[in-house]
Structures are given as structure tokens and as C-alpha cells.
Protein backbone atom coordinates (compact mmCIF):
# COMPACT_ATOMS: atom_id res chain seq x y z
CA UNK A 1 -65.99 -5.44 -36.55
CA UNK A 2 -66.30 -3.17 -33.49
CA UNK A 3 -70.10 -2.96 -33.96
CA UNK A 4 -70.30 -6.75 -34.20
CA UNK A 5 -68.40 -7.13 -30.91
CA UNK A 6 -70.62 -4.58 -29.17
CA UNK A 7 -73.73 -6.38 -30.43
CA UNK A 8 -72.37 -9.73 -29.23
CA UNK A 9 -71.66 -8.31 -25.77
CA UNK A 10 -75.15 -6.77 -25.61
CA UNK A 11 -76.79 -10.06 -26.61
CA UNK A 12 -74.78 -11.94 -23.98
CA UNK A 13 -75.66 -9.35 -21.33
CA UNK A 14 -79.40 -9.53 -21.97
CA UNK A 15 -79.21 -13.33 -22.09
CA UNK A 16 -77.70 -13.30 -18.60
CA UNK A 17 -80.45 -10.97 -17.38
CA UNK A 18 -83.11 -13.26 -18.83
CA UNK A 19 -81.55 -16.29 -17.17
CA UNK A 20 -81.34 -14.48 -13.85
CA UNK A 21 -85.01 -13.52 -13.99
CA UNK A 22 -86.22 -16.90 -15.28
CA UNK A 23 -88.49 -19.16 -13.32
CA UNK A 24 -88.00 -22.82 -12.52
CA UNK A 25 -89.98 -25.93 -13.53
CA UNK A 26 -89.60 -29.06 -11.39
CA UNK A 27 -91.14 -32.42 -12.25
CA UNK A 28 -91.37 -35.26 -9.74
CA UNK A 29 -92.98 -38.57 -8.96
CA UNK A 30 -95.01 -38.85 -5.75
CA UNK A 31 -96.08 -42.05 -4.00
CA UNK A 32 -98.54 -41.84 -1.09
CA UNK A 33 -99.48 -44.79 1.11
CA UNK A 34 -102.52 -44.44 3.36
CA UNK A 35 -102.86 -47.78 5.16
CA UNK A 36 -105.67 -50.01 3.88
CA UNK A 37 -106.21 -47.71 0.91
CA UNK A 38 -102.88 -48.82 -0.52
CA UNK A 39 -100.31 -46.75 -2.37
CA UNK A 40 -100.88 -44.38 -5.27
CA UNK A 41 -98.24 -42.85 -7.52
CA UNK A 42 -98.69 -39.69 -9.55
CA UNK A 43 -96.58 -37.19 -11.45
CA UNK A 44 -96.39 -33.57 -10.32
CA UNK A 45 -95.11 -30.42 -11.98
CA UNK A 46 -94.16 -27.36 -9.90
CA UNK A 47 -93.65 -24.02 -11.65
CA UNK A 48 -92.31 -20.99 -9.80
CA UNK A 49 -91.53 -17.53 -11.07
CA UNK A 50 -91.24 -14.50 -8.82
CA UNK A 51 -94.01 -14.57 -6.22
CA UNK A 52 -96.19 -17.10 -8.02
CA UNK A 53 -96.32 -20.90 -7.92
CA UNK A 54 -98.43 -23.50 -9.71
CA UNK A 55 -98.39 -27.14 -8.61
CA UNK A 56 -100.21 -29.65 -10.85
CA UNK A 57 -100.94 -33.36 -10.92
CA UNK A 58 -103.27 -35.38 -13.15
CA UNK A 59 -106.37 -34.30 -11.19
CA UNK A 60 -106.00 -30.65 -10.26
CA UNK A 61 -103.71 -27.64 -9.91
CA UNK A 62 -103.03 -25.24 -7.04
CA UNK A 63 -101.90 -21.67 -7.73
CA UNK A 64 -100.45 -19.30 -5.15
CA UNK A 65 -100.05 -15.63 -6.04
CA UNK A 66 -98.38 -13.91 -3.10
CA UNK A 67 -98.67 -10.43 -4.59
CA UNK A 68 -102.42 -10.72 -5.20
CA UNK A 69 -102.98 -12.59 -1.92
CA UNK A 70 -104.92 -15.49 -3.45
CA UNK A 71 -104.79 -19.28 -3.63
CA UNK A 72 -106.65 -20.90 -6.52
CA UNK A 73 -107.65 -24.56 -6.96
CA UNK A 74 -108.21 -25.55 -10.60
CA UNK A 75 -110.39 -28.54 -11.48
CA UNK A 76 -109.83 -29.36 -15.18
CA UNK A 77 -112.51 -32.09 -15.24
CA UNK A 78 -115.24 -29.74 -14.06
CA UNK A 79 -113.74 -26.67 -15.76
CA UNK A 80 -114.02 -24.84 -12.44
CA UNK A 81 -111.82 -22.80 -10.11
CA UNK A 82 -112.08 -22.06 -6.40
CA UNK A 83 -110.38 -18.86 -5.21
CA UNK A 84 -109.39 -18.43 -1.56
CA UNK A 85 -107.74 -15.51 0.23
CA UNK A 86 -104.10 -16.07 1.12
CA UNK A 87 -102.85 -16.25 3.84
CA UNK A 88 -105.69 -18.56 4.83
CA UNK A 89 -108.01 -17.42 7.62
CA UNK A 90 -111.27 -18.24 9.33
CA UNK A 91 -112.62 -21.82 9.76
CA UNK A 92 -110.36 -23.17 7.01
CA UNK A 93 -107.20 -21.64 8.41
CA UNK A 94 -106.26 -24.40 10.88
CA UNK A 95 -106.49 -27.14 8.26
CA UNK A 96 -104.78 -25.22 5.48
CA UNK A 97 -102.10 -23.80 7.78
CA UNK A 98 -101.33 -27.37 8.79
CA UNK A 99 -101.09 -28.59 5.22
CA UNK A 100 -98.96 -25.71 3.95
CA UNK A 101 -97.33 -24.24 7.05
CA UNK A 102 -96.51 -27.01 9.50
CA UNK A 103 -94.04 -26.17 12.28
CA UNK A 104 -90.96 -28.24 11.41
CA UNK A 105 -87.44 -28.31 12.81
CA UNK A 106 -84.53 -29.32 10.57
CA UNK A 107 -81.04 -30.71 11.03
CA UNK A 108 -78.38 -31.93 8.63
CA UNK A 109 -77.50 -35.64 8.63
CA UNK A 110 -74.14 -35.15 6.88
CA UNK A 111 -75.19 -37.47 4.03
CA UNK A 112 -74.57 -36.36 0.42
CA UNK A 113 -76.47 -37.80 -2.56
CA UNK A 114 -76.90 -37.32 -6.30
CA UNK A 115 -80.47 -37.27 -7.63
CA UNK A 116 -81.53 -36.55 -11.23
CA UNK A 117 -77.94 -35.54 -11.94
CA UNK A 118 -77.71 -32.95 -9.14
CA UNK A 119 -75.80 -33.09 -5.84
CA UNK A 120 -77.81 -32.61 -2.66
CA UNK A 121 -77.38 -32.60 1.10
CA UNK A 122 -79.67 -34.63 3.34
CA UNK A 123 -81.67 -33.13 6.22
CA UNK A 124 -84.01 -34.72 8.74
CA UNK A 125 -86.87 -33.00 10.52
CA UNK A 126 -89.97 -33.35 12.62
CA UNK A 127 -93.03 -31.29 13.43
CA UNK A 128 -96.78 -31.22 13.85
CA UNK A 129 -99.84 -30.99 11.63
CA UNK A 130 -103.47 -30.62 12.82
CA UNK A 131 -104.02 -34.38 12.94
CA UNK A 132 -100.74 -35.69 14.29
CA UNK A 133 -96.95 -35.89 14.27
CA UNK A 134 -94.79 -35.57 11.18
CA UNK A 135 -91.24 -36.75 10.49
CA UNK A 136 -89.31 -36.45 7.27
CA UNK A 137 -85.99 -36.73 5.47
CA UNK A 138 -85.14 -34.65 2.42
CA UNK A 139 -82.16 -34.07 0.15
CA UNK A 140 -81.80 -30.41 -0.87
CA UNK A 141 -79.84 -29.14 -3.89
CA UNK A 142 -78.86 -25.50 -3.40
CA UNK A 143 -76.85 -25.34 -6.66
CA UNK A 144 -79.50 -26.81 -8.98
CA UNK A 145 -80.96 -24.55 -11.72
CA UNK A 146 -83.61 -22.25 -10.24
CA UNK A 147 -82.71 -23.16 -6.64
CA UNK A 148 -82.43 -19.52 -5.60
CA UNK A 149 -85.83 -18.72 -7.16
CA UNK A 150 -87.37 -21.75 -5.45
CA UNK A 151 -85.91 -20.88 -2.04
CA UNK A 152 -86.87 -17.20 -2.26
CA UNK A 153 -90.49 -18.05 -3.09
CA UNK A 154 -90.87 -20.40 -0.14
CA UNK A 155 -89.24 -17.96 2.25
CA UNK A 156 -91.87 -15.40 1.28
CA UNK A 157 -94.58 -18.07 1.35
CA UNK A 158 -93.79 -19.10 4.91
CA UNK A 159 -93.46 -15.48 5.98
CA UNK A 160 -96.99 -14.83 4.69
CA UNK A 161 -98.14 -17.84 6.72
CA UNK A 162 -96.53 -16.39 9.83
CA UNK A 163 -94.00 -19.22 10.02
CA UNK A 164 -90.19 -19.04 10.42
CA UNK A 165 -88.26 -19.69 7.20
CA UNK A 166 -85.93 -22.19 8.85
CA UNK A 167 -85.96 -24.81 6.07
CA UNK A 168 -82.81 -25.73 4.11
CA UNK A 169 -81.95 -23.68 1.02
CA UNK A 170 -82.40 -25.36 -2.36
CA UNK A 171 -84.79 -27.67 -4.16
CA UNK A 172 -85.75 -30.91 -2.33
CA UNK A 173 -84.74 -33.64 -4.80
CA UNK A 174 -86.02 -36.38 -2.48
CA UNK A 175 -88.56 -35.90 0.27
CA UNK A 176 -89.97 -38.70 2.42
CA UNK A 177 -92.61 -37.92 5.03
CA UNK A 178 -94.44 -39.91 7.68
CA UNK A 179 -97.54 -38.70 9.54
CA UNK A 180 -98.81 -40.59 12.57
CA UNK A 181 -102.39 -39.63 13.41
CA UNK A 182 -102.81 -38.46 17.01
CA UNK A 183 -106.41 -38.03 18.10
CA UNK A 184 -105.52 -35.58 20.86
CA UNK A 185 -104.28 -33.18 18.18
CA UNK A 186 -107.85 -32.68 16.96
CA UNK A 187 -109.43 -30.08 19.20
CA UNK A 188 -113.06 -29.57 20.21
CA UNK A 189 -114.40 -33.13 19.81
CA UNK A 190 -117.10 -34.59 22.12
CA UNK A 191 -115.60 -37.19 24.53
CA UNK A 192 -117.26 -40.23 22.88
CA UNK A 193 -116.20 -39.17 19.42
CA UNK A 194 -112.70 -38.40 20.65
CA UNK A 195 -112.46 -41.90 22.14
CA UNK A 196 -113.59 -43.57 18.90
CA UNK A 197 -111.08 -41.54 16.91
CA UNK A 198 -108.34 -42.34 19.42
CA UNK A 199 -108.99 -46.08 18.99
CA UNK A 200 -109.00 -45.78 15.21
CA UNK A 201 -105.82 -43.69 15.29
CA UNK A 202 -104.03 -46.26 17.45
CA UNK A 203 -104.77 -48.97 14.87
CA UNK A 204 -104.09 -46.78 11.84
CA UNK A 205 -100.64 -47.17 10.26
CA UNK A 206 -98.77 -43.96 9.47
CA UNK A 207 -99.49 -42.12 6.23
CA UNK A 208 -96.28 -42.04 4.23
CA UNK A 209 -95.30 -40.18 1.10
CA UNK A 210 -92.23 -40.10 -1.10
CA UNK A 211 -91.42 -37.52 -3.78
CA UNK A 212 -88.44 -37.84 -6.13
CA UNK A 213 -87.47 -35.16 -8.65
CA UNK A 214 -87.03 -36.37 -12.22
CA UNK A 215 -86.09 -33.08 -13.89
CA UNK A 216 -85.34 -29.40 -13.18
CA UNK A 217 -85.41 -26.65 -15.78
CA UNK A 218 -84.73 -22.92 -15.40
CA UNK A 219 -87.10 -21.21 -17.83
CA UNK A 220 -89.25 -18.11 -18.19
CA UNK A 221 -92.89 -19.02 -17.53
CA UNK A 222 -95.79 -17.26 -19.31
CA UNK A 223 -97.97 -15.16 -16.99
CA UNK A 224 -101.12 -16.99 -18.11
CA UNK A 225 -99.73 -20.21 -16.62
CA UNK A 226 -100.64 -18.73 -13.23
CA UNK A 227 -104.11 -17.55 -14.28
CA UNK A 228 -107.52 -19.23 -14.37
CA UNK A 229 -108.00 -20.62 -17.91
CA UNK A 230 -110.64 -19.00 -20.11
CA UNK A 231 -114.06 -20.63 -19.79
CA UNK A 232 -113.61 -21.82 -16.21
CA UNK A 233 -116.37 -21.07 -13.71
CA UNK A 234 -114.83 -19.23 -10.74
CA UNK A 235 -116.16 -19.49 -7.18
CA UNK A 236 -114.70 -17.10 -4.63
CA UNK A 237 -114.79 -18.54 -1.11
CA UNK A 238 -114.94 -16.23 1.90
CA UNK A 239 -112.76 -18.34 4.19
CA UNK A 240 -113.35 -15.96 7.07
CA UNK A 241 -116.96 -17.00 7.16
CA UNK A 242 -118.20 -13.40 7.32
């Protein structure tokens, strides 16, 4: 009987360790509206374990491996992969830094919500991307499964990008963003081209997006989920332009 109790305690202990070291899988629905182009809705799956993340929709996947210092774009249709150095640098840096490392300030609104069965606290924020001004509201769940893993990854991600990790802790269960194009934010344009873009920007409605989480699962993720699949053609891009 004593041996059985010891075995039970050992099994429980290692189960707790496994749960503590597990990754997190988040699924969500995204809707993006880009003016005359109309709105499109797609599903997205985000997998995070340790210092690796994979974000996938129906068209492509993006992998970040912070330890290896690479970002990989997977194109299933063409069976191809593009590998970039991370943090981004060179001619691509300004664009990619804007997409993945915008300077945003946050503040709580005091509103509490329940999304996909999890409680979350609402925050509002604003910031800048290379092409304009961004505003957003998001509801973050710090007690959801895998929230600590999720938060830790993005703190390290933003640190690698040279940005302050001032975002709320937890998984954003709802995130609504609005980007208003500002021509003056695009540097180095000839005057005539800048004027044409300014006119177009003034008439262009904001680009809006909405992402809502549908499920969260804490689970160990196989290492090959963050690797280029066998048979893919890999192109390594020297983003520094050397």
C-alpha cells in the first residue's frame, strides 16, 4: 500500500511539472475591413511554447524562434518557406517593426467581460505604425490556461524588438484595432507622390480588424510544429541587404 501511495504522489508530481511546462494553443476568428475591398473573416491558430510561436491561418503560417533568432513564413500552397533574421533589420526593418513592434500605450477602462468562458479586463490603447495612427481596445485574461506562457513569450518578443513590454498581462480574448492612414508617416517620398498619397489617405476609411478567441488549451506542443515541414523549399533572405 505504501508503494502504491508513493507511486501516486510521483505521478501527480510529474503531471504538475508537465502542466507547468506545457505550451498554449489559442484559436480565434479575425475579421478585417479595408474600405472598398470589403471585410474578410478567417480563422487563426496561435501556438506558443517556451521561446517559440507559430501563427497560422488558411493561407500561411508565421514562426518565430527567439532562441535561434529567426522568423519563418510558410506557404503551404507553394510548399515554400522564407527565413528572415530576427529581430528584423535592414530595409525590411521599418515595415516589420511597425507590424510586430508598434509603440502603443495602454490604460484600463475598468470594464470586465467574459469571452469563451474566461473572465477578462478591458484595456484601451493608441500608438503608431509606419503608415499611420492606431487605436485599439482589448480584453485580457490573465488567469486563462497558458496565460503566463503567452505573456512571457511576448515580453521576450518585444524585448528582442527593442520595445518596452508595457502591454497588459494575459491572453487578449477580444482585440479591436483601427488604423487611419497618415501620408506624412511615410518618409522619403517625392513631393508629388506624397501629395497624391495624402489625398488618397484623406479619402480612405480606416482599416479595422476584430479578433475574438473561440478556445484556449494548455498543451505540450511537438517541436516539429515550429519547424519547416519536410519537402519545403527554403529561401533565406538577407534582410540587411549586405
